Amino acid sequence: MPFTLVLGGARSGKSSHAEALVQRAPAPWYYVATAQAYDAEMEERIAQHRARRGEGWVTLDAPHDLAGALGALPSGAPVLIDCLTLWLSNRMLAAADADLDSAILEAELLAHDGPVVAVSNEVGLGIVPDNALARRFRDAQGRLNQRLAALADEVVLVVAGIPVKVK
């Protein structure tokens, strides 16, 4: 089944675009959320995302075990993963092996027999981060995006709300 990777910067419109892609398939649509609310501002962002989606969506929280969440979905289920950037950050802050986790995720993406749309930030377009952790994260995110773009049937870059087909 098709796998689409949707890339973009913060507030570029990538999540809205990804939701529209998933909704091309019949409901129910599965939303695999990787965000964790550590403060009131993040709680509000999560609430806004949920409210925007409306009915027909089933939300699964998977801040760490993204591959497990995918593996638990019904056969043929259309799924949106939002977002790989937060998932990678969660895993790195937990001192996990990001390359191993990425390989496990790739295998699960290949095994899923329904349409998958995954959202990820393109974090390497800005300045070089000023600390080692941020540079490791930027590099790991770039490697993850490259790996998944190679697997994807379609890659879309969303810029200022405008989707641009890359692959």
Protein backbone atom coordinates (compact mmCIF):
# COMPACT_ATOMS: atom_id res chain seq x y z
CA MET A 1 0.00 0.00 0.00
CA PRO A 2 1.18 3.55 -0.55
CA PHE A 3 3.50 5.29 1.89
CA THR A 4 3.69 9.09 1.75
CA LEU A 5 6.21 11.18 3.66
CA VAL A 6 5.14 14.77 4.29
CA LEU A 7 8.00 17.11 5.19
CA GLY A 8 8.06 20.78 6.11
CA GLY A 9 9.04 23.36 8.66
CA ALA A 10 7.20 24.30 11.82
CA ARG A 11 3.70 25.63 11.09
CA SER A 12 4.09 24.99 7.37
CA GLY A 13 0.72 23.22 7.03
CA LYS A 14 2.15 19.70 6.81
CA SER A 15 -0.25 18.14 9.34
CA SER A 16 -3.35 19.55 7.64
CA HIS A 17 -2.09 18.33 4.28
CA ALA A 18 -1.32 14.88 5.70
CA GLU A 19 -4.79 14.63 7.25
CA ALA A 20 -6.37 15.40 3.88
CA LEU A 21 -4.28 12.68 2.22
CA VAL A 22 -5.36 10.05 4.77
CA GLN A 23 -8.99 11.07 4.43
CA ARG A 24 -8.95 9.96 0.79
CA ALA A 25 -9.36 6.43 2.19
CA PRO A 26 -12.56 5.32 3.90
CA ALA A 27 -12.88 5.95 7.66
CA PRO A 28 -11.97 5.06 10.30
CA TRP A 29 -8.62 6.82 10.00
CA TYR A 30 -5.94 6.06 12.56
CA TYR A 31 -3.90 8.93 13.96
CA VAL A 32 -0.74 7.77 15.69
CA ALA A 33 0.32 10.69 17.88
CA THR A 34 3.86 11.00 19.19
CA ALA A 35 3.54 14.27 21.13
CA GLN A 36 3.75 14.44 24.89
CA ALA A 37 2.25 17.39 26.79
CA TYR A 38 4.87 18.61 29.21
CA ASP A 39 3.31 22.06 29.61
CA ALA A 40 0.07 23.98 29.07
CA GLU A 41 1.13 25.30 25.66
CA MET A 42 1.73 21.78 24.33
CA GLU A 43 -1.56 20.60 25.84
CA GLU A 44 -3.29 23.36 23.85
CA ARG A 45 -1.51 22.39 20.61
CA ILE A 46 -2.59 18.77 21.05
CA ALA A 47 -6.17 19.85 21.80
CA GLN A 48 -6.25 21.99 18.64
CA HIS A 49 -5.03 19.09 16.51
CA ARG A 50 -7.69 16.78 17.96
CA ALA A 51 -10.47 19.33 17.47
CA ARG A 52 -9.44 19.98 13.87
CA ARG A 53 -9.58 16.29 12.98
CA GLY A 54 -13.18 15.78 14.10
CA GLU A 55 -15.09 12.53 13.80
CA GLY A 56 -13.89 9.43 11.99
CA TRP A 57 -10.43 9.50 13.58
CA VAL A 58 -9.11 7.00 16.12
CA THR A 59 -6.16 8.38 18.06
CA LEU A 60 -3.38 6.17 19.41
CA ASP A 61 -0.70 7.74 21.58
CA ALA A 62 2.75 6.34 20.79
CA PRO A 63 5.45 8.70 22.03
CA HIS A 64 7.99 5.85 22.11
CA ASP A 65 6.68 2.56 20.65
CA LEU A 66 5.72 3.78 17.21
CA ALA A 67 6.47 0.46 15.50
CA GLY A 68 4.35 -1.37 18.09
CA ALA A 69 1.43 0.99 17.50
CA LEU A 70 1.65 0.42 13.74
CA GLY A 71 1.81 -3.32 14.24
CA ALA A 72 -1.36 -3.23 16.37
CA LEU A 73 -3.49 -1.53 13.71
CA PRO A 74 -6.20 -3.45 11.87
CA SER A 75 -5.33 -4.85 8.48
CA GLY A 76 -5.67 -2.25 5.74
CA ALA A 77 -6.15 0.64 8.17
CA PRO A 78 -5.32 4.09 6.79
CA VAL A 79 -2.90 5.71 9.21
CA LEU A 80 -1.35 9.10 9.84
CA ILE A 81 1.82 9.29 11.94
CA ASP A 82 2.25 12.78 13.39
CA CYS A 83 5.05 13.32 13.87
CA LEU A 84 8.35 11.53 13.37
CA THR A 85 10.28 14.52 14.68
CA LEU A 86 8.69 14.35 18.12
CA TRP A 87 9.06 10.56 18.14
CA LEU A 88 12.77 10.82 17.37
CA SER A 89 13.22 13.50 20.02
CA ASN A 90 11.42 11.31 22.57
CA ARG A 91 13.65 8.35 21.74
CA MET A 92 16.86 10.38 21.85
CA LEU A 93 15.96 11.95 25.19
CA ALA A 94 15.32 8.42 26.49
CA ALA A 95 18.89 7.53 25.40
CA ALA A 96 17.54 4.95 22.92
CA ASP A 97 19.42 3.76 19.84
CA ALA A 98 17.82 6.01 17.20
CA ASP A 99 19.30 4.05 14.28
CA LEU A 100 17.98 0.74 15.62
CA ASP A 101 14.56 2.25 16.38
CA SER A 102 14.46 3.71 12.87
CA ALA A 103 15.25 0.31 11.34
CA ILE A 104 12.46 -1.32 13.38
CA LEU A 105 10.07 1.43 12.27
CA GLU A 106 11.06 0.94 8.61
CA ALA A 107 10.28 -2.79 8.84
CA GLU A 108 6.87 -2.09 10.36
CA LEU A 109 6.08 0.52 7.69
CA LEU A 110 6.89 -2.03 4.99
CA ALA A 111 4.71 -4.64 6.72
CA HIS A 112 1.62 -2.42 7.07
CA ASP A 113 -0.92 -3.25 4.37
CA GLY A 114 -2.86 0.01 4.43
CA PRO A 115 -2.04 3.53 3.30
CA VAL A 116 0.41 5.36 5.57
CA VAL A 117 1.12 9.07 5.69
CA ALA A 118 3.95 10.18 7.98
CA VAL A 119 4.74 13.77 8.96
CA SER A 120 8.27 14.92 9.70
CA ASN A 121 10.01 18.24 10.11
CA GLU A 122 12.78 19.28 7.77
CA VAL A 123 15.10 20.61 10.47
CA GLY A 124 18.34 20.95 8.52
CA LEU A 125 17.52 24.12 6.61
CA GLY A 126 18.42 26.56 9.38
CA ILE A 127 21.53 27.55 11.25
CA VAL A 128 23.93 25.05 12.78
CA PRO A 129 22.74 24.39 16.35
CA ASP A 130 24.99 25.71 19.10
CA ASN A 131 25.12 22.55 21.22
CA ALA A 132 26.06 18.91 20.73
CA LEU A 133 22.63 17.42 21.56
CA ALA A 134 20.86 19.69 19.09
CA ARG A 135 23.44 18.88 16.38
CA ARG A 136 23.04 15.12 17.03
CA PHE A 137 19.27 15.51 16.81
CA ARG A 138 19.46 17.52 13.56
CA ASP A 139 21.75 14.90 12.03
CA ALA A 140 19.61 11.96 13.23
CA GLN A 141 16.45 13.65 11.90
CA GLY A 142 18.12 14.19 8.54
CA ARG A 143 19.16 10.54 8.37
CA LEU A 144 15.66 9.37 9.35
CA ASN A 145 14.04 11.59 6.73
CA GLN A 146 16.42 10.27 4.06
CA ARG A 147 15.77 6.64 5.01
CA LEU A 148 12.01 7.07 4.95
CA ALA A 149 12.03 9.15 1.78
CA ALA A 150 13.86 6.28 0.07
CA LEU A 151 11.06 3.90 1.17
CA ALA A 152 8.22 6.26 0.36
CA ASP A 153 6.12 6.06 -2.75
CA GLU A 154 5.59 9.81 -2.55
CA VAL A 155 7.40 12.63 -0.73
CA VAL A 156 5.76 16.04 -0.35
CA LEU A 157 7.41 19.18 1.00
CA VAL A 158 4.91 21.68 2.41
CA VAL A 159 6.07 25.29 2.22
CA ALA A 160 3.83 28.11 3.49
CA GLY A 161 0.81 25.82 3.20
CA ILE A 162 1.62 24.80 -0.36
CA PRO A 163 2.42 21.12 -1.01
CA VAL A 164 5.28 20.59 -3.44
CA LYS A 165 5.73 17.05 -4.76
CA VAL A 166 9.37 15.98 -4.35
CA LYS A 167 9.03 12.31 -5.27
